[in-house]
Amino acid sequence: MKGDRLHGARPGTKNPVSWPLVLLAVWSVAFGLLIPFFPSGEGKAVDPEGERAVSLMSRAIETLREHRRLNGPPIDETVDPNRTGLIGVEDSPITTSLGHLEAKRTATNPQFAGAVVRMFREAGARRGDPVAVGASGSFPGLILATLCAADALGLRPLMIASLGASNWGANRPDWTWLEMADCLRQKGVLDVIPTAVSIGGDKDVGLDMPEEGRALLELKISASGRPFIRESDLAKNAAARMSLLEQAAGGAPIKAFVNVGGSYPDMGTDGEVLKLKPGYNPAADVFIPPPERRGLIQEMAGRGVPVIHLLFVKGLVDRYGLTWDPFPLPGPESAGADRGLAPGLRTAFLLIYLTGMALGIFWIARKRSRL
């Protein structure tokens, strides 16, 4: 008898608490099966424009890979195991600053193009709208993602490119962003000609490069035939860029400004810029410092233009549900398949589940106490 009481049942009777245990088990299994079908707060499970952007970036990477296989420079698979053709070298005459290899590899994920589609939508950009892009050579993967997203949405990207790059970016003297863009244009993948080009680096004139690197980039820019920005004064540089972008927009309002990397004329010199969220930022959330410390980010925000900030790669990965340093790269077939829960929904979902479990456990405890 004593042993039967310890097990919560009298001889010859059914255990009165077994059915609540079964219900708890069913509750747990049901919630586990439902998780994949809950919508994400970051986007739709199926996104045609996002899929198109990811597919285009995958095609662009394949084009760059094939070009380098046939024409060089050869891809070093020890640092670029996905053979994207978007990873540079540790150091070169046109290297500007420190960079992290894993972040550069992460930025080559074609899923970034789908994420930028969502950012453009957050900014309110619509087909035919001009969007300005300040592109540092430090993150060629993020430049490519931005251009592919703009193409998928039918936007007009107006890009000013800075050729200098940090470690592992587009810092090969024979494979800068200009060569990458020329390759993609010649193969009919992306046809985006920069509105203007600068050397980049310290003061946007390469003061952190050896003279050899500055001279090499000056020759490349002159040969490109594009307007050459070579102004070291921040306010004058920002004003020149703003004027060129507004001219290129042809009087239409610029709907978003995309900052790729951390260039001097785009970021400015005020420390508050470091508080920008990775990805989309409403114009009202951008701190506007005095004119002498403003870059294009602040100048655009001051005109009511939202900012898409593509610099802190780990923050972008976390915010938009991407993968850190993926191998192999996700293919186009996974584009737009955002099946995770958004943070708010995830919290609510967990609270519902835990509440149900707690009620079940409380019920079982009461039943046992009455035996």
Protein backbone atom coordinates (compact mmCIF):
# COMPACT_ATOMS: atom_id res chain seq x y z
CA MET A 1 0.00 0.00 0.00
CA LYS A 2 2.75 2.42 0.91
CA GLY A 3 4.53 1.75 -2.36
CA ASP A 4 1.28 2.33 -4.26
CA ARG A 5 0.79 5.70 -2.55
CA LEU A 6 4.28 6.74 -3.53
CA HIS A 7 3.33 6.11 -7.13
CA GLY A 8 0.11 8.14 -6.77
CA ALA A 9 -2.49 5.37 -7.21
CA ARG A 10 -4.48 2.86 -5.16
CA PRO A 11 -4.32 -0.83 -6.09
CA GLY A 12 -6.65 -1.64 -8.93
CA THR A 13 -7.18 2.00 -10.05
CA LYS A 14 -5.89 4.01 -12.99
CA ASN A 15 -3.23 6.64 -12.38
CA PRO A 16 -5.23 9.95 -12.20
CA VAL A 17 -2.32 12.10 -13.35
CA SER A 18 -1.23 10.16 -16.43
CA TRP A 19 -3.55 11.99 -18.83
CA PRO A 20 -2.23 15.49 -17.92
CA LEU A 21 1.28 14.20 -18.64
CA VAL A 22 0.11 13.04 -22.05
CA LEU A 23 -1.42 16.46 -22.70
CA LEU A 24 1.85 18.18 -21.76
CA ALA A 25 3.72 15.95 -24.15
CA VAL A 26 1.24 16.72 -26.94
CA TRP A 27 1.50 20.46 -26.12
CA SER A 28 5.30 20.38 -26.47
CA VAL A 29 5.26 18.38 -29.71
CA ALA A 30 2.55 20.59 -31.23
CA PHE A 31 4.45 23.79 -30.54
CA GLY A 32 7.65 22.29 -31.92
CA LEU A 33 5.88 21.36 -35.15
CA LEU A 34 4.26 24.80 -35.48
CA ILE A 35 7.46 26.86 -35.16
CA PRO A 36 8.43 26.70 -38.87
CA PHE A 37 5.00 28.02 -39.91
CA PHE A 38 5.00 31.17 -37.80
CA PRO A 39 5.65 34.32 -39.86
CA SER A 40 8.84 36.31 -39.41
CA GLY A 41 8.84 39.99 -38.53
CA GLU A 42 11.68 40.58 -41.00
CA GLY A 43 9.89 39.72 -44.23
CA LYS A 44 7.63 37.35 -46.12
CA ALA A 45 8.36 33.65 -46.37
CA VAL A 46 8.24 34.08 -50.17
CA ASP A 47 9.62 37.30 -51.63
CA PRO A 48 9.88 37.43 -55.45
CA GLU A 49 12.10 40.53 -55.52
CA GLY A 50 14.27 39.10 -52.76
CA GLU A 51 14.62 35.86 -54.70
CA ARG A 52 15.51 37.81 -57.83
CA ALA A 53 18.18 39.80 -55.97
CA VAL A 54 19.75 36.67 -54.46
CA SER A 55 19.72 34.88 -57.81
CA LEU A 56 21.35 37.88 -59.49
CA MET A 57 24.08 38.07 -56.85
CA SER A 58 24.72 34.33 -57.20
CA ARG A 59 25.04 34.82 -60.96
CA ALA A 60 27.37 37.78 -60.47
CA ILE A 61 29.63 35.73 -58.18
CA GLU A 62 29.72 32.91 -60.72
CA THR A 63 30.68 35.44 -63.40
CA LEU A 64 33.51 36.89 -61.31
CA ARG A 65 34.71 33.38 -60.40
CA GLU A 66 34.82 32.31 -64.05
CA HIS A 67 36.59 35.51 -65.10
CA ARG A 68 39.30 34.95 -62.54
CA ARG A 69 39.65 31.29 -63.52
CA LEU A 70 40.29 32.27 -67.12
CA ASN A 71 42.07 35.61 -66.76
CA GLY A 72 43.31 35.86 -63.17
CA PRO A 73 44.18 36.91 -60.65
CA PRO A 74 43.87 33.35 -59.29
CA ILE A 75 41.56 32.76 -56.32
CA ASP A 76 43.25 31.67 -53.10
CA GLU A 77 40.90 29.02 -51.74
CA THR A 78 42.59 29.09 -48.34
CA VAL A 79 41.07 32.54 -47.71
CA ASP A 80 38.14 32.34 -50.16
CA PRO A 81 36.89 28.75 -49.80
CA ASN A 82 33.62 29.59 -51.58
CA ARG A 83 35.65 30.89 -54.54
CA THR A 84 33.61 34.07 -54.80
CA GLY A 85 36.32 36.22 -56.35
CA LEU A 86 35.32 38.95 -53.88
CA ILE A 87 38.05 38.36 -51.29
CA GLY A 88 41.30 40.25 -51.61
CA VAL A 89 44.64 39.91 -49.87
CA GLU A 90 45.85 40.71 -46.40
CA ASP A 91 48.00 43.64 -47.50
CA SER A 92 48.79 45.59 -50.65
CA PRO A 93 49.79 49.11 -51.73
CA ILE A 94 46.10 50.14 -51.81
CA THR A 95 45.18 48.74 -48.39
CA THR A 96 43.76 51.42 -46.12
CA SER A 97 43.02 49.88 -42.72
CA LEU A 98 42.46 46.74 -40.70
CA GLY A 99 39.73 44.36 -41.81
CA HIS A 100 38.49 40.97 -40.64
CA LEU A 101 38.55 38.06 -43.07
CA GLU A 102 35.47 36.33 -41.62
CA ALA A 103 33.42 39.52 -41.98
CA LYS A 104 34.53 39.95 -45.59
CA ARG A 105 33.59 36.34 -46.37
CA THR A 106 30.24 36.70 -44.61
CA ALA A 107 29.45 39.73 -46.79
CA THR A 108 29.73 37.58 -49.93
CA ASN A 109 26.60 35.62 -48.98
CA PRO A 110 24.00 36.22 -51.74
CA GLN A 111 21.32 36.29 -49.04
CA PHE A 112 22.58 39.81 -48.24
CA ALA A 113 20.98 40.96 -51.49
CA GLY A 114 17.61 39.75 -50.23
CA ALA A 115 18.19 41.52 -46.92
CA VAL A 116 18.97 44.80 -48.72
CA VAL A 117 15.71 44.43 -50.66
CA ARG A 118 13.92 44.49 -47.31
CA MET A 119 15.95 47.54 -46.21
CA PHE A 120 15.03 49.43 -49.38
CA ARG A 121 11.39 48.64 -48.72
CA GLU A 122 11.72 49.93 -45.16
CA ALA A 123 13.14 53.13 -46.62
CA GLY A 124 10.09 53.49 -48.87
CA ALA A 125 11.98 53.22 -52.17
CA ARG A 126 9.81 52.35 -55.18
CA ARG A 127 10.46 51.33 -58.78
CA GLY A 128 12.22 54.09 -60.70
CA ASP A 129 13.39 55.93 -57.57
CA PRO A 130 17.02 57.05 -57.38
CA VAL A 131 19.00 55.75 -54.40
CA ALA A 132 22.46 57.03 -53.54
CA VAL A 133 25.29 54.64 -52.66
CA GLY A 134 28.57 55.53 -50.98
CA ALA A 135 30.72 52.47 -51.67
CA SER A 136 34.06 51.72 -50.06
CA GLY A 137 36.14 48.99 -51.70
CA SER A 138 36.45 47.37 -48.29
CA PHE A 139 33.23 45.37 -48.77
CA PRO A 140 32.78 44.41 -52.44
CA GLY A 141 30.25 41.77 -51.34
CA LEU A 142 28.01 44.40 -49.78
CA ILE A 143 28.37 46.67 -52.83
CA LEU A 144 27.27 43.77 -55.01
CA ALA A 145 24.35 42.96 -52.69
CA THR A 146 23.19 46.60 -52.84
CA LEU A 147 23.32 46.78 -56.62
CA CYS A 148 21.54 43.44 -57.03
CA ALA A 149 18.80 44.52 -54.61
CA ALA A 150 18.37 47.81 -56.49
CA ASP A 151 18.14 45.94 -59.79
CA ALA A 152 15.53 43.53 -58.44
CA LEU A 153 13.37 46.43 -57.23
CA GLY A 154 13.85 48.55 -60.36
CA LEU A 155 15.67 51.33 -58.48
CA ARG A 156 18.28 53.68 -59.94
CA PRO A 157 21.53 53.30 -57.94
CA LEU A 158 23.74 56.40 -58.06
CA MET A 159 27.08 55.21 -56.75
CA ILE A 160 30.24 57.03 -55.73
CA ALA A 161 33.00 54.46 -55.28
CA SER A 162 36.15 54.78 -53.17
CA LEU A 163 38.76 52.32 -54.43
CA GLY A 164 41.00 51.94 -51.38
CA ALA A 165 40.08 48.94 -49.22
CA SER A 166 40.85 47.39 -45.86
CA ASN A 167 42.44 43.94 -45.46
CA TRP A 168 40.77 41.20 -47.52
CA GLY A 169 38.48 43.64 -49.35
CA ALA A 170 38.86 44.73 -53.00
CA ASN A 171 42.49 45.60 -52.23
CA ARG A 172 44.28 43.79 -55.03
CA PRO A 173 45.77 46.45 -57.34
CA ASP A 174 44.79 44.29 -60.33
CA TRP A 175 41.27 43.53 -59.04
CA THR A 176 39.68 46.63 -57.54
CA TRP A 177 35.98 47.36 -57.61
CA LEU A 178 36.48 49.02 -61.01
CA GLU A 179 37.70 45.75 -62.55
CA MET A 180 34.87 43.82 -60.89
CA ALA A 181 32.27 46.27 -62.18
CA ASP A 182 33.76 46.22 -65.69
CA CYS A 183 33.62 42.42 -65.72
CA LEU A 184 29.96 42.34 -64.66
CA ARG A 185 29.04 45.04 -67.17
CA GLN A 186 30.80 43.32 -70.08
CA LYS A 187 29.06 40.03 -69.27
CA GLY A 188 25.66 41.73 -69.09
CA VAL A 189 25.08 40.93 -65.43
CA LEU A 190 25.02 44.44 -63.91
CA ASP A 191 25.33 47.71 -65.75
CA VAL A 192 26.10 50.31 -63.08
CA ILE A 193 28.67 52.96 -63.95
CA PRO A 194 29.88 54.97 -60.95
CA THR A 195 28.69 58.55 -60.78
CA ALA A 196 32.16 59.44 -59.49
CA VAL A 197 35.25 57.76 -58.03
CA SER A 198 37.78 58.64 -55.34
CA ILE A 199 40.97 57.09 -54.02
CA GLY A 200 39.51 56.55 -50.56
CA GLY A 201 41.49 55.88 -47.41
CA ASP A 202 42.61 58.63 -45.05
CA LYS A 203 40.99 61.97 -45.93
CA ASP A 204 39.66 60.22 -49.07
CA VAL A 205 42.99 60.90 -50.79
CA GLY A 206 44.91 57.83 -49.62
CA LEU A 207 47.15 59.43 -47.02
CA ASP A 208 47.39 56.01 -45.32
CA MET A 209 48.70 54.38 -48.52
CA PRO A 210 52.23 54.36 -49.89
CA GLU A 211 52.83 56.71 -52.79
CA GLU A 212 52.86 53.70 -55.12
CA GLY A 213 49.27 52.86 -54.18
CA ARG A 214 47.99 56.42 -54.61
CA ALA A 215 49.65 56.76 -58.01
CA LEU A 216 48.21 53.45 -59.18
CA LEU A 217 44.66 54.41 -58.21
CA GLU A 218 44.97 57.87 -59.74
CA LEU A 219 45.84 56.23 -63.06
CA LYS A 220 42.92 53.82 -62.81
CA ILE A 221 40.43 56.57 -62.03
CA SER A 222 41.71 58.83 -64.79
CA ALA A 223 41.47 55.96 -67.28
CA SER A 224 37.87 55.22 -66.21
CA GLY A 225 36.72 58.62 -67.49
CA ARG A 226 34.53 59.12 -64.43
CA PRO A 227 34.57 62.32 -62.33
CA PHE A 228 37.50 62.13 -59.93
CA ILE A 229 36.89 63.44 -56.39
CA ARG A 230 40.21 64.39 -54.79
CA GLU A 231 39.19 66.75 -51.98
CA SER A 232 40.63 66.16 -48.49
CA ASP A 233 38.46 68.74 -46.70
CA LEU A 234 35.43 66.90 -45.32
CA ALA A 235 32.85 69.64 -45.85
CA LYS A 236 34.00 70.33 -49.42
CA ASN A 237 34.17 66.62 -50.22
CA ALA A 238 30.66 65.99 -48.91
CA ALA A 239 29.33 69.02 -50.80
CA ALA A 240 30.93 67.82 -54.05
CA ARG A 241 29.46 64.35 -53.62
CA MET A 242 26.02 65.71 -52.80
CA SER A 243 26.08 67.94 -55.88
CA LEU A 244 27.11 65.06 -58.18
CA LEU A 245 24.44 62.76 -56.78
CA GLU A 246 21.68 65.36 -57.09
CA GLN A 247 22.71 66.05 -60.70
CA ALA A 248 22.65 62.33 -61.47
CA ALA A 249 19.17 62.06 -59.91
CA GLY A 250 17.94 64.57 -62.48
CA GLY A 251 15.76 66.49 -60.07
CA ALA A 252 14.04 63.41 -58.64
CA PRO A 253 14.21 63.06 -54.84
CA ILE A 254 16.78 60.57 -53.57
CA LYS A 255 14.84 57.96 -51.59
CA ALA A 256 17.64 56.32 -49.60
CA PHE A 257 21.35 56.59 -48.94
CA VAL A 258 23.32 53.36 -48.65
CA ASN A 259 26.64 53.54 -46.86
CA VAL A 260 28.89 50.57 -47.63
CA GLY A 261 31.98 50.43 -45.42
CA GLY A 262 33.43 53.18 -43.31
CA SER A 263 34.78 55.82 -45.67
CA TYR A 264 35.71 59.28 -44.36
CA PRO A 265 33.40 61.31 -46.66
CA ASP A 266 30.39 59.07 -45.99
CA MET A 267 30.76 58.53 -42.24
CA GLY A 268 32.03 61.98 -41.27
CA THR A 269 34.13 62.47 -38.16
CA ASP A 270 31.54 62.71 -35.37
CA GLY A 271 31.58 59.78 -32.94
CA GLU A 272 27.78 59.60 -32.80
CA VAL A 273 27.81 57.87 -36.19
CA LEU A 274 29.05 54.74 -34.42
CA LYS A 275 25.63 54.44 -32.76
CA LEU A 276 23.82 53.88 -36.05
CA LYS A 277 21.97 50.57 -36.23
CA PRO A 278 23.23 48.08 -38.79
CA GLY A 279 20.87 48.20 -41.74
CA TYR A 280 17.91 50.56 -42.04
CA ASN A 281 17.81 53.82 -40.04
CA PRO A 282 15.05 56.44 -40.36
CA ALA A 283 16.44 59.91 -41.04
CA ALA A 284 15.11 61.10 -37.67
CA ASP A 285 17.31 58.56 -35.87
CA VAL A 286 20.54 59.96 -37.31
CA PHE A 287 22.38 62.49 -35.16
CA ILE A 288 23.28 65.61 -37.17
CA PRO A 289 26.56 67.14 -35.94
CA PRO A 290 27.98 70.57 -36.91
CA PRO A 291 28.76 70.94 -40.64
CA GLU A 292 32.51 70.47 -40.25
CA ARG A 293 31.96 66.91 -38.91
CA ARG A 294 29.24 65.77 -41.31
CA GLY A 295 29.63 63.10 -43.97
CA LEU A 296 27.08 61.99 -46.56
CA ILE A 297 25.21 59.96 -43.93
CA GLN A 298 24.41 63.06 -41.91
CA GLU A 299 23.93 65.33 -44.93
CA MET A 300 21.38 62.94 -46.41
CA ALA A 301 19.59 62.40 -43.11
CA GLY A 302 19.45 66.17 -42.63
CA ARG A 303 17.44 66.31 -45.87
CA GLY A 304 15.06 63.62 -44.63
CA VAL A 305 16.67 60.76 -46.57
CA PRO A 306 16.75 57.44 -44.64
CA VAL A 307 20.09 55.70 -44.26
CA ILE A 308 20.97 52.05 -44.90
CA HIS A 309 24.16 51.40 -42.96
CA LEU A 310 26.20 48.43 -44.20
CA LEU A 311 29.31 48.26 -42.07
CA PHE A 312 28.94 46.21 -38.87
CA VAL A 313 28.58 42.78 -40.50
CA LYS A 314 27.92 40.83 -37.30
CA GLY A 315 25.13 43.26 -36.42
CA LEU A 316 23.64 42.89 -39.91
CA VAL A 317 23.76 39.10 -39.60
CA ASP A 318 21.97 39.20 -36.25
CA ARG A 319 19.35 41.75 -37.26
CA TYR A 320 18.41 40.21 -40.61
CA GLY A 321 18.72 36.52 -39.75
CA LEU A 322 21.72 35.67 -41.94
CA THR A 323 24.58 33.19 -41.45
CA TRP A 324 28.04 34.08 -40.19
CA ASP A 325 30.89 32.98 -42.49
CA PRO A 326 28.82 30.38 -44.39
CA PHE A 327 30.38 27.44 -46.22
CA PRO A 328 29.13 26.59 -48.72
CA LEU A 329 27.23 29.70 -49.72
CA PRO A 330 23.42 29.42 -49.75
CA GLY A 331 22.10 28.97 -53.26
CA PRO A 332 19.38 30.97 -55.03
CA GLU A 333 16.81 28.29 -54.14
CA SER A 334 16.89 29.45 -50.50
CA ALA A 335 16.21 33.09 -51.36
CA GLY A 336 13.53 34.75 -49.30
CA ALA A 337 12.99 31.66 -47.16
CA ASP A 338 12.90 33.51 -43.88
CA ARG A 339 11.32 30.91 -41.63
CA GLY A 340 12.53 32.03 -38.22
CA LEU A 341 10.52 33.97 -35.67
CA ALA A 342 10.98 37.69 -35.25
CA PRO A 343 12.21 38.61 -31.74
CA GLY A 344 8.82 39.91 -30.53
CA LEU A 345 6.91 36.91 -31.85
CA ARG A 346 9.53 34.56 -30.45
CA THR A 347 9.06 36.03 -26.97
CA ALA A 348 5.26 35.81 -27.14
CA PHE A 349 5.46 32.27 -28.48
CA LEU A 350 7.77 31.23 -25.62
CA LEU A 351 5.50 32.82 -23.00
CA ILE A 352 2.44 30.96 -24.33
CA TYR A 353 4.33 27.70 -24.30
CA LEU A 354 5.72 28.20 -20.78
CA THR A 355 2.31 29.27 -19.46
CA GLY A 356 0.74 26.10 -20.78
CA MET A 357 3.51 23.99 -19.25
CA ALA A 358 3.20 25.76 -15.89
CA LEU A 359 -0.57 25.22 -15.77
CA GLY A 360 -0.09 21.57 -16.59
CA ILE A 361 2.54 21.08 -13.92
CA PHE A 362 0.38 22.92 -11.37
CA TRP A 363 -2.58 20.64 -12.21
CA ILE A 364 -0.45 17.52 -11.78
CA ALA A 365 0.93 18.79 -8.46
CA ARG A 366 -2.61 19.40 -7.12
CA LYS A 367 -3.73 15.96 -8.17
CA ARG A 368 -0.76 14.33 -6.47
CA SER A 369 -1.33 16.30 -3.27
CA ARG A 370 -4.84 14.88 -3.00
CA LEU A 371 -3.72 11.25 -3.26
